[in-house]
Structure formats: structure tokens, C-alpha cells
């Protein structure tokens, strides 16, 4: 795929995130799956990723340190080329009504040129239990 396959508007959002720590709720269509979350900078992505290795073995800690350095390098990189998009609090919908994975704080990295389309806003899972208990409480009042 050529560089022209990247959406210029989406690329501008990613550049703003990387340069100014700009965050934006966004949903992406990627190869038939919907990836939804909050756009973050590459340096924030690497920082969050490195945290997951900090309490592990010596090898895990070395990986964490390497990821921290990658995040610092990404934060200082002023090149105009943007190849990846990073999200936090991510959910991935593949045709079912529940995101995969459905639990935990998920960070995600994807190729910008693989994004087919996007819309602003994040898909959030509805909590039917709380709404049904709220409606049953209002009937009892």
C-alpha cells in the first residue's frame, strides 16, 4: 500500500496527539472490526506499555526500560511521517455485541494505513443490569 492510502484528517489527529499530548475519543473500522477507544500519543502508549513490565523478572524490567526509551524517542521525534495510531481504554468489536477483550484497560497500536474509516466518539458497552434495576426501582416508588 502506498502513503496515499492514509486518511489525511486522521493522520492530523495522530500528529496532534503525538506533538501536544492531545486525546480524542475515536472509533476506527479496521479490516471489518471496529476498534474504539481514546487516541493517545505514541509516548503515552509506550509509557503505559512499559508499566506492565516493571514488576516482573529482570528480563521484563529490561523490556520495560527499552519501551520507556522508545516512548521518549517517539515524544521527541518531529518527523512528518506518521505510521501508527495508539489508543487507550480500547474495545474491539468483531460482529458481536461485546468487545474483545471485554475486561481490563487495553492499549492498542495499529497501522494508520490499515484504517478504512473512522468516526469521532467511543462506543461504550451498555449496562443492562443497572438500567433494569433502575427501572424496577422507579416502578416500586
N, C-alpha and C. Protein backbone atom coordinates (compact mmCIF):
# COMPACT_ATOMS: atom_id res chain seq x y z
N UNK A 1 0.84 -1.19 0.00
CA UNK A 1 0.00 0.00 0.00
C UNK A 1 0.87 1.24 0.00
N UNK A 2 0.41 2.24 -0.68
CA UNK A 2 1.18 3.48 -0.77
C UNK A 2 0.77 4.44 0.35
N UNK A 3 1.56 5.50 0.49
CA UNK A 3 1.28 6.50 1.52
C UNK A 3 -0.07 7.18 1.31
N UNK A 4 -0.54 7.23 0.04
CA UNK A 4 -1.81 7.90 -0.24
C UNK A 4 -3.00 7.21 0.39
N UNK A 5 -2.83 6.00 0.89
CA UNK A 5 -3.97 5.28 1.47
C UNK A 5 -4.28 5.74 2.89
N UNK A 6 -3.42 6.56 3.47
CA UNK A 6 -3.69 7.09 4.81
C UNK A 6 -4.65 8.27 4.70
N UNK A 7 -5.60 8.34 5.62
CA UNK A 7 -6.54 9.46 5.67
C UNK A 7 -5.81 10.67 6.26
N UNK A 8 -5.78 11.77 5.53
CA UNK A 8 -5.05 12.97 5.97
C UNK A 8 -5.62 13.56 7.25
N UNK A 9 -6.93 13.51 7.42
CA UNK A 9 -7.54 14.07 8.63
C UNK A 9 -7.17 13.22 9.85
N UNK A 10 -7.28 11.91 9.70
CA UNK A 10 -6.91 11.01 10.80
C UNK A 10 -5.42 11.16 11.13
N UNK A 11 -4.61 11.29 10.10
CA UNK A 11 -3.17 11.50 10.32
C UNK A 11 -2.92 12.80 11.08
N UNK A 12 -3.70 13.84 10.80
CA UNK A 12 -3.57 15.11 11.53
C UNK A 12 -3.91 14.93 13.01
N UNK A 13 -4.95 14.14 13.30
CA UNK A 13 -5.29 13.86 14.70
C UNK A 13 -4.15 13.14 15.41
N UNK A 14 -3.54 12.17 14.72
CA UNK A 14 -2.43 11.41 15.32
C UNK A 14 -1.23 12.33 15.55
N UNK A 15 -0.93 13.20 14.59
CA UNK A 15 0.17 14.16 14.76
C UNK A 15 -0.08 15.06 15.97
N UNK A 16 -1.32 15.55 16.11
CA UNK A 16 -1.66 16.41 17.25
C UNK A 16 -1.49 15.66 18.56
N UNK A 17 -1.91 14.39 18.58
CA UNK A 17 -1.75 13.57 19.79
C UNK A 17 -0.27 13.42 20.12
N UNK A 18 0.55 13.13 19.12
CA UNK A 18 1.98 12.92 19.36
C UNK A 18 2.69 14.19 19.77
N UNK A 19 2.31 15.31 19.19
CA UNK A 19 3.03 16.57 19.46
C UNK A 19 2.55 17.28 20.71
N UNK A 20 1.24 17.25 20.97
CA UNK A 20 0.67 18.05 22.05
C UNK A 20 0.01 17.23 23.16
N UNK A 21 0.21 15.89 23.16
CA UNK A 21 -0.47 15.01 24.12
C UNK A 21 -1.99 15.19 24.06
N UNK A 22 -2.48 15.43 22.87
CA UNK A 22 -3.89 15.60 22.58
C UNK A 22 -4.58 14.23 22.68
N UNK A 23 -5.74 14.17 23.32
CA UNK A 23 -6.51 12.93 23.42
C UNK A 23 -7.88 13.15 22.82
N UNK A 24 -8.42 12.11 22.19
CA UNK A 24 -9.68 12.21 21.48
C UNK A 24 -10.36 10.85 21.45
N UNK A 25 -11.63 10.78 21.85
CA UNK A 25 -12.40 9.54 21.73
C UNK A 25 -12.68 9.31 20.25
N UNK A 26 -12.37 8.09 19.78
CA UNK A 26 -12.47 7.80 18.36
C UNK A 26 -12.77 6.32 18.15
N UNK A 27 -13.43 6.01 17.06
CA UNK A 27 -13.70 4.62 16.68
C UNK A 27 -13.23 4.44 15.24
N UNK A 28 -12.56 3.32 15.00
CA UNK A 28 -11.93 3.03 13.72
C UNK A 28 -12.50 1.75 13.13
N UNK A 29 -12.67 1.71 11.82
CA UNK A 29 -13.00 0.47 11.14
C UNK A 29 -11.71 -0.05 10.55
N UNK A 30 -11.28 -1.24 11.02
CA UNK A 30 -10.02 -1.82 10.59
C UNK A 30 -10.28 -3.26 10.16
N UNK A 31 -10.20 -3.51 8.87
CA UNK A 31 -10.42 -4.85 8.32
C UNK A 31 -11.69 -5.50 8.83
N UNK A 32 -12.77 -4.76 8.89
CA UNK A 32 -14.07 -5.30 9.29
C UNK A 32 -14.35 -5.27 10.78
N UNK A 33 -13.36 -4.95 11.59
CA UNK A 33 -13.56 -4.84 13.05
C UNK A 33 -13.65 -3.37 13.42
N UNK A 34 -14.42 -3.09 14.45
CA UNK A 34 -14.47 -1.72 14.98
C UNK A 34 -13.56 -1.67 16.20
N UNK A 35 -12.61 -0.77 16.16
CA UNK A 35 -11.68 -0.55 17.27
C UNK A 35 -12.05 0.81 17.86
N UNK A 36 -12.44 0.82 19.13
CA UNK A 36 -12.92 2.05 19.74
C UNK A 36 -12.11 2.33 21.00
N UNK A 37 -11.82 3.60 21.24
CA UNK A 37 -11.04 3.97 22.42
C UNK A 37 -10.71 5.45 22.39
N UNK A 38 -9.66 5.79 23.12
CA UNK A 38 -9.20 7.18 23.19
C UNK A 38 -7.83 7.28 22.55
N UNK A 39 -7.72 8.13 21.54
CA UNK A 39 -6.46 8.38 20.86
C UNK A 39 -5.47 8.99 21.85
N UNK A 40 -4.26 8.43 21.90
CA UNK A 40 -3.20 8.94 22.77
C UNK A 40 -1.92 9.09 21.95
N UNK A 41 -0.94 9.75 22.53
CA UNK A 41 0.35 9.92 21.86
C UNK A 41 1.13 8.62 21.89
N UNK A 42 2.08 8.52 20.97
CA UNK A 42 2.97 7.35 20.94
C UNK A 42 3.76 7.26 22.24
N UNK A 43 4.20 8.39 22.77
CA UNK A 43 4.97 8.34 24.02
C UNK A 43 4.12 7.85 25.19
N UNK A 44 2.84 8.26 25.26
CA UNK A 44 1.96 7.76 26.31
C UNK A 44 1.70 6.27 26.16
N UNK A 45 1.58 5.81 24.91
CA UNK A 45 1.39 4.39 24.64
C UNK A 45 2.58 3.59 25.17
N UNK A 46 3.80 4.00 24.80
CA UNK A 46 4.99 3.26 25.23
C UNK A 46 5.17 3.33 26.74
N UNK A 47 4.83 4.45 27.34
CA UNK A 47 4.92 4.58 28.80
C UNK A 47 3.96 3.59 29.48
N UNK A 48 2.72 3.52 29.00
CA UNK A 48 1.74 2.59 29.58
C UNK A 48 2.17 1.15 29.35
N UNK A 49 2.70 0.86 28.17
CA UNK A 49 3.15 -0.49 27.87
C UNK A 49 4.32 -0.88 28.76
N UNK A 50 5.26 0.04 28.98
CA UNK A 50 6.42 -0.27 29.82
C UNK A 50 6.02 -0.54 31.26
N UNK A 51 4.96 0.13 31.74
CA UNK A 51 4.49 -0.08 33.11
C UNK A 51 4.07 -1.52 33.36
N UNK A 52 3.58 -2.20 32.34
CA UNK A 52 3.13 -3.57 32.51
C UNK A 52 4.29 -4.54 32.72
N UNK A 53 5.52 -4.11 32.48
CA UNK A 53 6.69 -4.96 32.65
C UNK A 53 7.50 -4.63 33.90
N UNK A 54 7.20 -3.54 34.58
CA UNK A 54 8.06 -3.03 35.65
C UNK A 54 8.17 -3.97 36.86
N UNK A 55 7.14 -4.71 37.19
CA UNK A 55 7.17 -5.54 38.39
C UNK A 55 7.54 -6.99 38.11
N UNK A 56 8.06 -7.27 36.94
CA UNK A 56 8.37 -8.64 36.56
C UNK A 56 9.83 -9.00 36.80
N UNK A 57 10.27 -10.01 36.08
CA UNK A 57 11.64 -10.51 36.18
C UNK A 57 12.62 -9.47 35.64
N UNK A 58 13.91 -9.79 35.72
CA UNK A 58 14.94 -8.89 35.19
C UNK A 58 14.73 -8.63 33.70
N UNK A 59 14.38 -9.69 32.96
CA UNK A 59 14.15 -9.54 31.53
C UNK A 59 12.96 -8.62 31.29
N UNK A 60 11.89 -8.81 32.06
CA UNK A 60 10.70 -7.97 31.92
C UNK A 60 11.04 -6.51 32.23
N UNK A 61 11.84 -6.29 33.25
CA UNK A 61 12.23 -4.92 33.59
C UNK A 61 13.09 -4.30 32.50
N UNK A 62 13.97 -5.10 31.88
CA UNK A 62 14.77 -4.60 30.76
C UNK A 62 13.87 -4.23 29.59
N UNK A 63 12.85 -5.05 29.32
CA UNK A 63 11.89 -4.73 28.26
C UNK A 63 11.15 -3.44 28.60
N UNK A 64 10.76 -3.28 29.85
CA UNK A 64 10.08 -2.06 30.28
C UNK A 64 10.94 -0.84 30.08
N UNK A 65 12.23 -0.95 30.43
CA UNK A 65 13.16 0.17 30.23
C UNK A 65 13.32 0.50 28.74
N UNK A 66 13.38 -0.55 27.90
CA UNK A 66 13.52 -0.35 26.47
C UNK A 66 12.27 0.36 25.91
N UNK A 67 11.09 -0.03 26.40
CA UNK A 67 9.85 0.61 25.94
C UNK A 67 9.77 2.06 26.41
N UNK A 68 10.26 2.33 27.62
CA UNK A 68 10.30 3.71 28.11
C UNK A 68 11.17 4.57 27.21
N UNK A 69 12.33 4.04 26.82
CA UNK A 69 13.23 4.76 25.92
C UNK A 69 12.56 4.97 24.56
N UNK A 70 11.82 3.98 24.07
CA UNK A 70 11.11 4.12 22.80
C UNK A 70 10.07 5.23 22.90
N UNK A 71 9.39 5.31 24.04
CA UNK A 71 8.40 6.37 24.25
C UNK A 71 9.03 7.74 24.27
N UNK A 72 10.20 7.84 24.92
CA UNK A 72 10.90 9.13 24.96
C UNK A 72 11.35 9.53 23.56
N UNK A 73 11.82 8.56 22.78
CA UNK A 73 12.25 8.84 21.40
C UNK A 73 11.05 9.25 20.56
N UNK A 74 9.92 8.58 20.75
CA UNK A 74 8.71 8.92 19.98
C UNK A 74 8.23 10.33 20.33
N UNK A 75 8.37 10.72 21.59
CA UNK A 75 7.95 12.05 22.02
C UNK A 75 8.82 13.15 21.45
N UNK A 76 10.07 12.85 21.18
CA UNK A 76 10.98 13.87 20.65
C UNK A 76 11.09 13.82 19.13
N UNK A 77 10.45 12.84 18.49
CA UNK A 77 10.51 12.70 17.04
C UNK A 77 9.60 13.71 16.37
N UNK A 78 10.17 14.62 15.64
CA UNK A 78 9.39 15.66 14.96
C UNK A 78 9.20 15.38 13.47
N UNK A 79 9.46 14.13 13.07
CA UNK A 79 9.32 13.83 11.64
C UNK A 79 7.87 13.94 11.22
N UNK A 80 7.67 14.23 9.96
CA UNK A 80 6.31 14.39 9.46
C UNK A 80 5.66 13.05 9.16
N UNK A 81 6.41 11.98 9.16
CA UNK A 81 5.87 10.66 8.88
C UNK A 81 5.17 10.09 10.10
N UNK A 82 3.92 9.70 9.92
CA UNK A 82 3.15 9.06 10.98
C UNK A 82 2.67 7.72 10.43
N UNK A 83 3.04 6.64 11.09
CA UNK A 83 2.70 5.32 10.59
C UNK A 83 1.75 4.54 11.50
N UNK A 84 1.69 4.90 12.78
CA UNK A 84 0.89 4.14 13.74
C UNK A 84 -0.05 5.05 14.51
N UNK A 85 -1.16 4.46 14.93
CA UNK A 85 -2.14 5.14 15.76
C UNK A 85 -2.24 4.36 17.06
N UNK A 86 -2.39 5.06 18.19
CA UNK A 86 -2.39 4.44 19.51
C UNK A 86 -3.65 4.83 20.27
N UNK A 87 -4.28 3.83 20.90
CA UNK A 87 -5.50 4.06 21.67
C UNK A 87 -5.35 3.48 23.06
N UNK A 88 -6.04 4.09 24.02
CA UNK A 88 -6.16 3.52 25.37
C UNK A 88 -7.64 3.24 25.62
N UNK A 89 -7.91 2.47 26.67
CA UNK A 89 -9.28 2.08 27.02
C UNK A 89 -10.00 1.54 25.79
N UNK A 90 -9.34 0.60 25.13
CA UNK A 90 -9.76 0.10 23.83
C UNK A 90 -10.72 -1.07 23.94
N UNK A 91 -11.69 -1.09 23.04
CA UNK A 91 -12.56 -2.25 22.84
C UNK A 91 -12.56 -2.57 21.36
N UNK A 92 -12.60 -3.85 21.03
CA UNK A 92 -12.61 -4.28 19.64
C UNK A 92 -13.88 -5.10 19.42
N UNK A 93 -14.69 -4.65 18.47
CA UNK A 93 -15.96 -5.31 18.16
C UNK A 93 -15.82 -6.04 16.83
N UNK A 94 -16.06 -7.33 16.85
CA UNK A 94 -15.95 -8.16 15.65
C UNK A 94 -17.30 -8.82 15.35
N UNK A 95 -18.32 -8.02 15.18
CA UNK A 95 -19.62 -8.55 14.80
C UNK A 95 -20.50 -9.01 15.94
N UNK A 96 -20.00 -9.06 17.16
CA UNK A 96 -20.86 -9.42 18.28
C UNK A 96 -21.16 -8.18 19.11
N UNK A 97 -21.94 -8.34 20.14
CA UNK A 97 -22.35 -7.16 20.91
C UNK A 97 -21.44 -6.87 22.08
N UNK A 98 -20.42 -7.67 22.32
CA UNK A 98 -19.47 -7.43 23.40
C UNK A 98 -18.09 -7.19 22.79
N UNK A 99 -17.34 -6.25 23.37
CA UNK A 99 -15.99 -6.02 22.84
C UNK A 99 -15.05 -7.15 23.24
N UNK A 100 -14.03 -7.34 22.43
CA UNK A 100 -13.00 -8.32 22.72
C UNK A 100 -11.69 -7.57 22.86
N UNK A 101 -10.95 -7.67 23.92
CA UNK A 101 -11.34 -8.25 25.20
C UNK A 101 -12.35 -7.36 25.89
N UNK A 102 -13.11 -7.95 26.79
CA UNK A 102 -14.18 -7.19 27.43
C UNK A 102 -13.82 -6.68 28.81
N UNK A 103 -12.66 -7.06 29.33
CA UNK A 103 -12.26 -6.62 30.67
C UNK A 103 -10.85 -6.05 30.63
N UNK A 104 -10.60 -5.12 31.54
CA UNK A 104 -9.26 -4.57 31.68
C UNK A 104 -9.05 -3.31 30.87
N UNK A 105 -7.97 -2.63 31.19
CA UNK A 105 -7.59 -1.41 30.47
C UNK A 105 -6.66 -1.83 29.34
N UNK A 106 -7.15 -1.74 28.13
CA UNK A 106 -6.42 -2.22 26.97
C UNK A 106 -5.84 -1.03 26.20
N UNK A 107 -4.53 -1.11 25.90
CA UNK A 107 -3.93 -0.14 25.00
C UNK A 107 -3.71 -0.85 23.67
N UNK A 108 -3.80 -0.10 22.58
CA UNK A 108 -3.79 -0.70 21.24
C UNK A 108 -2.93 0.14 20.32
N UNK A 109 -2.24 -0.54 19.40
CA UNK A 109 -1.40 0.12 18.39
C UNK A 109 -1.77 -0.49 17.04
N UNK A 110 -2.03 0.35 16.06
CA UNK A 110 -2.39 -0.14 14.74
C UNK A 110 -1.74 0.68 13.65
N UNK A 111 -1.64 0.08 12.46
CA UNK A 111 -1.08 0.78 11.30
C UNK A 111 -2.10 1.78 10.79
N UNK A 112 -1.68 3.00 10.67
CA UNK A 112 -2.56 4.07 10.21
C UNK A 112 -3.11 3.78 8.81
N UNK A 113 -2.29 3.20 7.95
CA UNK A 113 -2.75 2.94 6.59
C UNK A 113 -3.73 1.77 6.51
N UNK A 114 -3.93 1.02 7.59
CA UNK A 114 -4.88 -0.09 7.61
C UNK A 114 -6.28 0.35 8.05
N UNK A 115 -6.42 1.61 8.48
CA UNK A 115 -7.72 2.11 8.93
C UNK A 115 -8.56 2.45 7.71
N UNK A 116 -9.73 1.78 7.61
CA UNK A 116 -10.62 2.00 6.47
C UNK A 116 -11.47 3.26 6.64
N UNK A 117 -11.94 3.51 7.85
CA UNK A 117 -12.74 4.71 8.12
C UNK A 117 -12.73 4.96 9.62
N UNK A 118 -13.26 6.11 10.04
CA UNK A 118 -13.32 6.43 11.46
C UNK A 118 -14.49 7.35 11.72
N UNK A 119 -14.90 7.40 12.99
CA UNK A 119 -15.82 8.44 13.44
C UNK A 119 -15.41 8.87 14.82
N UNK A 120 -15.72 10.11 15.16
CA UNK A 120 -15.37 10.64 16.47
C UNK A 120 -16.36 10.11 17.49
N UNK A 121 -15.85 9.75 18.63
CA UNK A 121 -16.67 9.18 19.69
C UNK A 121 -16.26 7.74 19.94
N UNK A 122 -16.57 7.30 21.14
CA UNK A 122 -16.18 5.96 21.56
C UNK A 122 -17.45 5.15 21.83
N UNK A 123 -17.46 3.92 21.38
CA UNK A 123 -18.59 3.03 21.65
C UNK A 123 -18.43 2.54 23.08
N UNK A 124 -19.48 2.68 23.86
CA UNK A 124 -19.41 2.17 25.23
C UNK A 124 -20.48 1.11 25.41
N UNK A 125 -20.11 0.11 26.15
CA UNK A 125 -21.00 -1.01 26.38
C UNK A 125 -22.12 -0.57 27.31
N UNK A 126 -23.35 -0.87 26.94
CA UNK A 126 -24.48 -0.53 27.81
C UNK A 126 -24.56 -1.53 28.95
N UNK A 127 -24.93 -1.05 30.09
CA UNK A 127 -25.03 -1.91 31.27
C UNK A 127 -26.51 -2.17 31.53
N UNK A 128 -27.01 -3.24 30.95
CA UNK A 128 -28.44 -3.52 31.03
C UNK A 128 -28.88 -3.84 32.46
N UNK A 129 -27.99 -4.41 33.27
CA UNK A 129 -28.37 -4.75 34.65
C UNK A 129 -28.71 -3.51 35.45
N UNK A 130 -27.88 -2.46 35.32
CA UNK A 130 -28.13 -1.25 36.10
C UNK A 130 -29.37 -0.53 35.61
N UNK A 131 -29.60 -0.53 34.29
CA UNK A 131 -30.78 0.16 33.78
C UNK A 131 -32.05 -0.61 34.12
N UNK A 132 -31.99 -1.95 34.17
CA UNK A 132 -33.18 -2.70 34.54
C UNK A 132 -33.48 -2.56 36.03
N UNK A 133 -32.43 -2.46 36.84
CA UNK A 133 -32.67 -2.28 38.27
C UNK A 133 -33.18 -0.86 38.54
N UNK A 134 -32.70 0.11 37.72
CA UNK A 134 -33.20 1.48 37.89
C UNK A 134 -34.67 1.57 37.51
N UNK A 135 -35.04 0.86 36.43
CA UNK A 135 -36.45 0.92 36.03
C UNK A 135 -37.33 0.17 37.01
N UNK A 136 -36.84 -0.92 37.60
CA UNK A 136 -37.64 -1.63 38.59
C UNK A 136 -37.78 -0.81 39.88
N UNK A 137 -36.75 -0.02 40.20
CA UNK A 137 -36.85 0.84 41.37
C UNK A 137 -37.89 1.94 41.16
N UNK A 138 -37.95 2.46 39.93
CA UNK A 138 -38.92 3.52 39.67
C UNK A 138 -40.35 2.98 39.69
N UNK A 139 -40.54 1.70 39.36
CA UNK A 139 -41.88 1.11 39.41
C UNK A 139 -42.34 0.92 40.85
N UNK A 140 -41.35 0.70 41.76
CA UNK A 140 -41.68 0.45 43.16
C UNK A 140 -41.93 1.75 43.93
N UNK A 141 -41.61 2.87 43.35
CA UNK A 141 -41.74 4.14 44.08
C UNK A 141 -43.14 4.65 44.09
